[in-house]
Amino acid sequence: MQVCIKPIVAEALALRAGIIDAVKLELSKLRMLSENSTLIRAINNDAQVKEIFGIVKDIQELSFVFVEISFAYVPRSSNVEADRLAKLFLSASFVSNL
């Protein structure tokens, strides 16, 4: 059975995974970019989006580890690498769930 994950959920999971990796690397400053403006608004403005509520809370809690962290929207055309990483994360998650 194939699991379908909504793009906003995939983007939020990828963002959280990136933050967790940054914590492990003991980075003090971080700038996270996303092509999903709804996700960025949810993180920055504490807007509630049902599908990603828990993931956003995780991201917000992890953010306190950093001296400086920012979340910004970037158009897809400027965010090709992040899109590739999000797709890679999804495929890795799918394989690990088999």
N, C-alpha and C. Protein backbone atom coordinates (compact mmCIF):
# COMPACT_ATOMS: atom_id res chain seq x y z
N MET A 1 0.84 -1.18 0.00
CA MET A 1 0.00 0.00 0.00
C MET A 1 0.89 1.25 0.00
N GLN A 2 0.63 2.15 -0.90
CA GLN A 2 1.41 3.39 -0.99
C GLN A 2 0.74 4.48 -0.16
N VAL A 3 1.55 5.18 0.61
CA VAL A 3 1.06 6.26 1.46
C VAL A 3 1.23 7.58 0.73
N CYS A 4 0.17 8.36 0.66
CA CYS A 4 0.24 9.68 0.04
C CYS A 4 0.35 10.74 1.13
N ILE A 5 1.39 11.54 1.04
CA ILE A 5 1.60 12.61 2.01
C ILE A 5 1.37 13.93 1.31
N LYS A 6 0.60 14.80 1.95
CA LYS A 6 0.34 16.12 1.38
C LYS A 6 1.64 16.90 1.30
N PRO A 7 1.78 17.73 0.26
CA PRO A 7 3.02 18.52 0.10
C PRO A 7 3.38 19.35 1.33
N ILE A 8 2.39 19.95 1.99
CA ILE A 8 2.70 20.77 3.16
C ILE A 8 3.26 19.92 4.30
N VAL A 9 2.78 18.69 4.42
CA VAL A 9 3.29 17.79 5.45
C VAL A 9 4.73 17.38 5.11
N ALA A 10 4.97 17.05 3.84
CA ALA A 10 6.32 16.69 3.41
C ALA A 10 7.30 17.83 3.65
N GLU A 11 6.89 19.03 3.32
CA GLU A 11 7.75 20.21 3.50
C GLU A 11 8.02 20.44 4.99
N ALA A 12 7.00 20.31 5.82
CA ALA A 12 7.17 20.50 7.27
C ALA A 12 8.09 19.43 7.86
N LEU A 13 7.92 18.18 7.43
CA LEU A 13 8.78 17.11 7.92
C LEU A 13 10.23 17.32 7.50
N ALA A 14 10.43 17.76 6.26
CA ALA A 14 11.78 18.03 5.77
C ALA A 14 12.43 19.18 6.54
N LEU A 15 11.65 20.20 6.82
CA LEU A 15 12.15 21.35 7.58
C LEU A 15 12.55 20.91 9.00
N ARG A 16 11.69 20.13 9.63
CA ARG A 16 12.00 19.63 10.98
C ARG A 16 13.25 18.76 10.97
N ALA A 17 13.38 17.90 9.96
CA ALA A 17 14.57 17.05 9.86
C ALA A 17 15.83 17.89 9.70
N GLY A 18 15.74 18.96 8.91
CA GLY A 18 16.89 19.85 8.74
C GLY A 18 17.27 20.54 10.03
N ILE A 19 16.28 20.94 10.81
CA ILE A 19 16.55 21.60 12.10
C ILE A 19 17.18 20.61 13.07
N ILE A 20 16.69 19.39 13.09
CA ILE A 20 17.27 18.36 13.96
C ILE A 20 18.73 18.11 13.59
N ASP A 21 19.01 18.05 12.29
CA ASP A 21 20.40 17.89 11.85
C ASP A 21 21.26 19.07 12.28
N ALA A 22 20.72 20.28 12.19
CA ALA A 22 21.46 21.48 12.60
C ALA A 22 21.74 21.45 14.10
N VAL A 23 20.80 20.95 14.89
CA VAL A 23 21.00 20.81 16.33
C VAL A 23 22.15 19.83 16.59
N LYS A 24 22.14 18.70 15.89
CA LYS A 24 23.20 17.69 16.06
C LYS A 24 24.57 18.25 15.68
N LEU A 25 24.59 19.14 14.70
CA LEU A 25 25.85 19.77 14.28
C LEU A 25 26.25 20.94 15.18
N GLU A 26 25.41 21.22 16.17
CA GLU A 26 25.65 22.30 17.13
C GLU A 26 25.78 23.67 16.47
N LEU A 27 24.98 23.91 15.44
CA LEU A 27 24.97 25.22 14.80
C LEU A 27 24.25 26.20 15.71
N SER A 28 24.69 27.45 15.70
CA SER A 28 24.03 28.45 16.55
C SER A 28 23.10 29.36 15.77
N LYS A 29 23.35 29.47 14.46
CA LYS A 29 22.52 30.33 13.60
C LYS A 29 22.02 29.50 12.43
N LEU A 30 20.76 29.75 12.07
CA LEU A 30 20.16 28.96 11.00
C LEU A 30 19.11 29.79 10.28
N ARG A 31 19.10 29.66 8.97
CA ARG A 31 18.05 30.29 8.17
C ARG A 31 17.40 29.20 7.35
N MET A 32 16.11 29.00 7.57
CA MET A 32 15.35 27.97 6.88
C MET A 32 14.45 28.61 5.84
N LEU A 33 14.45 28.04 4.64
CA LEU A 33 13.65 28.55 3.54
C LEU A 33 12.65 27.50 3.11
N SER A 34 11.48 27.95 2.69
CA SER A 34 10.45 27.03 2.20
C SER A 34 9.65 27.70 1.10
N GLU A 35 9.24 26.90 0.14
CA GLU A 35 8.37 27.41 -0.93
C GLU A 35 6.90 27.39 -0.51
N ASN A 36 6.64 26.90 0.68
CA ASN A 36 5.26 26.81 1.15
C ASN A 36 4.97 27.97 2.11
N SER A 37 4.29 28.98 1.59
CA SER A 37 4.02 30.17 2.40
C SER A 37 3.11 29.87 3.58
N THR A 38 2.22 28.90 3.44
CA THR A 38 1.34 28.53 4.55
C THR A 38 2.16 27.96 5.71
N LEU A 39 3.14 27.14 5.40
CA LEU A 39 4.01 26.57 6.42
C LEU A 39 4.80 27.67 7.13
N ILE A 40 5.36 28.59 6.38
CA ILE A 40 6.15 29.68 6.97
C ILE A 40 5.27 30.54 7.87
N ARG A 41 4.05 30.85 7.41
CA ARG A 41 3.13 31.63 8.25
C ARG A 41 2.78 30.87 9.53
N ALA A 42 2.59 29.56 9.41
CA ALA A 42 2.26 28.75 10.59
C ALA A 42 3.40 28.79 11.62
N ILE A 43 4.62 28.73 11.14
CA ILE A 43 5.77 28.75 12.05
C ILE A 43 5.97 30.15 12.65
N ASN A 44 5.96 31.16 11.81
CA ASN A 44 6.26 32.53 12.26
C ASN A 44 5.14 33.18 13.04
N ASN A 45 3.92 32.91 12.66
CA ASN A 45 2.77 33.59 13.27
C ASN A 45 1.95 32.70 14.17
N ASP A 46 2.41 31.48 14.37
CA ASP A 46 1.69 30.52 15.19
C ASP A 46 0.28 30.27 14.66
N ALA A 47 0.11 30.36 13.33
CA ALA A 47 -1.17 30.05 12.70
C ALA A 47 -1.38 28.53 12.77
N GLN A 48 -2.57 28.11 13.06
CA GLN A 48 -2.84 26.69 13.20
C GLN A 48 -3.32 26.09 11.88
N VAL A 49 -2.58 25.10 11.42
CA VAL A 49 -2.93 24.34 10.23
C VAL A 49 -3.01 22.89 10.68
N LYS A 50 -4.19 22.32 10.61
CA LYS A 50 -4.47 21.01 11.19
C LYS A 50 -3.46 19.93 10.78
N GLU A 51 -3.15 19.85 9.50
CA GLU A 51 -2.28 18.77 9.00
C GLU A 51 -0.87 18.82 9.57
N ILE A 52 -0.41 20.00 9.94
CA ILE A 52 0.98 20.15 10.37
C ILE A 52 1.12 20.71 11.79
N PHE A 53 0.04 20.75 12.52
CA PHE A 53 0.05 21.38 13.84
C PHE A 53 1.17 20.84 14.73
N GLY A 54 1.25 19.54 14.88
CA GLY A 54 2.27 18.93 15.75
C GLY A 54 3.68 19.15 15.25
N ILE A 55 3.86 19.07 13.94
CA ILE A 55 5.19 19.28 13.36
C ILE A 55 5.64 20.72 13.58
N VAL A 56 4.73 21.66 13.39
CA VAL A 56 5.05 23.08 13.60
C VAL A 56 5.43 23.32 15.06
N LYS A 57 4.71 22.71 15.98
CA LYS A 57 5.05 22.86 17.41
C LYS A 57 6.45 22.31 17.68
N ASP A 58 6.78 21.17 17.07
CA ASP A 58 8.14 20.62 17.21
C ASP A 58 9.18 21.62 16.70
N ILE A 59 8.92 22.20 15.53
CA ILE A 59 9.84 23.17 14.92
C ILE A 59 10.02 24.37 15.84
N GLN A 60 8.92 24.87 16.37
CA GLN A 60 8.99 26.03 17.25
C GLN A 60 9.77 25.72 18.53
N GLU A 61 9.58 24.54 19.08
CA GLU A 61 10.31 24.17 20.30
C GLU A 61 11.79 23.98 20.01
N LEU A 62 12.12 23.35 18.89
CA LEU A 62 13.53 23.16 18.52
C LEU A 62 14.22 24.49 18.25
N SER A 63 13.46 25.49 17.84
CA SER A 63 14.02 26.80 17.50
C SER A 63 14.69 27.48 18.68
N PHE A 64 14.26 27.15 19.89
CA PHE A 64 14.83 27.79 21.08
C PHE A 64 16.29 27.40 21.31
N VAL A 65 16.75 26.35 20.66
CA VAL A 65 18.13 25.90 20.81
C VAL A 65 19.11 26.89 20.15
N PHE A 66 18.65 27.60 19.14
CA PHE A 66 19.53 28.45 18.34
C PHE A 66 19.62 29.87 18.89
N VAL A 67 20.79 30.47 18.74
CA VAL A 67 20.98 31.88 19.08
C VAL A 67 20.17 32.73 18.11
N GLU A 68 20.18 32.32 16.86
CA GLU A 68 19.44 33.04 15.82
C GLU A 68 18.87 32.03 14.82
N ILE A 69 17.59 32.15 14.55
CA ILE A 69 16.95 31.29 13.55
C ILE A 69 15.86 32.09 12.86
N SER A 70 15.73 31.88 11.56
CA SER A 70 14.67 32.56 10.82
C SER A 70 14.06 31.59 9.82
N PHE A 71 12.81 31.86 9.50
CA PHE A 71 12.06 31.07 8.54
C PHE A 71 11.51 32.02 7.50
N ALA A 72 11.79 31.75 6.23
CA ALA A 72 11.37 32.68 5.18
C ALA A 72 10.81 31.91 3.99
N TYR A 73 9.87 32.55 3.33
CA TYR A 73 9.29 32.02 2.10
C TYR A 73 10.23 32.35 0.94
N VAL A 74 10.38 31.40 0.04
CA VAL A 74 11.14 31.62 -1.18
C VAL A 74 10.38 30.94 -2.32
N PRO A 75 10.23 31.59 -3.45
CA PRO A 75 9.49 30.98 -4.57
C PRO A 75 10.15 29.68 -5.03
N ARG A 76 9.35 28.77 -5.52
CA ARG A 76 9.84 27.47 -5.97
C ARG A 76 10.98 27.60 -6.97
N SER A 77 10.88 28.56 -7.87
CA SER A 77 11.92 28.74 -8.89
C SER A 77 13.28 29.06 -8.27
N SER A 78 13.28 29.58 -7.06
CA SER A 78 14.53 29.91 -6.36
C SER A 78 14.90 28.85 -5.34
N ASN A 79 14.13 27.78 -5.27
CA ASN A 79 14.27 26.81 -4.19
C ASN A 79 14.38 25.38 -4.72
N VAL A 80 15.07 25.21 -5.82
CA VAL A 80 15.16 23.91 -6.48
C VAL A 80 15.81 22.86 -5.57
N GLU A 81 16.86 23.23 -4.87
CA GLU A 81 17.57 22.27 -4.01
C GLU A 81 16.70 21.78 -2.86
N ALA A 82 15.96 22.67 -2.23
CA ALA A 82 15.08 22.26 -1.13
C ALA A 82 13.98 21.33 -1.64
N ASP A 83 13.47 21.60 -2.83
CA ASP A 83 12.46 20.74 -3.42
C ASP A 83 13.01 19.34 -3.65
N ARG A 84 14.24 19.26 -4.12
CA ARG A 84 14.90 17.97 -4.34
C ARG A 84 15.07 17.23 -3.01
N LEU A 85 15.48 17.95 -1.97
CA LEU A 85 15.68 17.33 -0.66
C LEU A 85 14.36 16.84 -0.06
N ALA A 86 13.30 17.61 -0.25
CA ALA A 86 11.98 17.19 0.26
C ALA A 86 11.53 15.90 -0.42
N LYS A 87 11.75 15.81 -1.73
CA LYS A 87 11.38 14.60 -2.46
C LYS A 87 12.24 13.42 -2.02
N LEU A 88 13.52 13.67 -1.78
CA LEU A 88 14.41 12.63 -1.30
C LEU A 88 13.97 12.13 0.08
N PHE A 89 13.58 13.06 0.95
CA PHE A 89 13.09 12.70 2.28
C PHE A 89 11.85 11.82 2.17
N LEU A 90 10.94 12.20 1.28
CA LEU A 90 9.71 11.41 1.10
C LEU A 90 10.03 10.00 0.62
N SER A 91 10.93 9.87 -0.35
CA SER A 91 11.24 8.55 -0.88
C SER A 91 11.95 7.71 0.18
N ALA A 92 12.82 8.33 0.98
CA ALA A 92 13.50 7.60 2.06
C ALA A 92 12.50 7.15 3.12
N SER A 93 11.54 8.00 3.44
CA SER A 93 10.52 7.65 4.43
C SER A 93 9.66 6.52 3.92
N PHE A 94 9.33 6.55 2.63
CA PHE A 94 8.50 5.50 2.05
C PHE A 94 9.22 4.16 2.11
N VAL A 95 10.50 4.15 1.74
CA VAL A 95 11.28 2.92 1.73
C VAL A 95 11.41 2.37 3.15
N SER A 96 11.64 3.23 4.14
CA SER A 96 11.82 2.76 5.51
C SER A 96 10.52 2.23 6.12
N ASN A 97 9.38 2.60 5.54
CA ASN A 97 8.09 2.13 6.06
C ASN A 97 7.64 0.83 5.43
N LEU A 98 8.41 0.30 4.48
CA LEU A 98 8.01 -0.95 3.83
C LEU A 98 8.25 -2.15 4.71
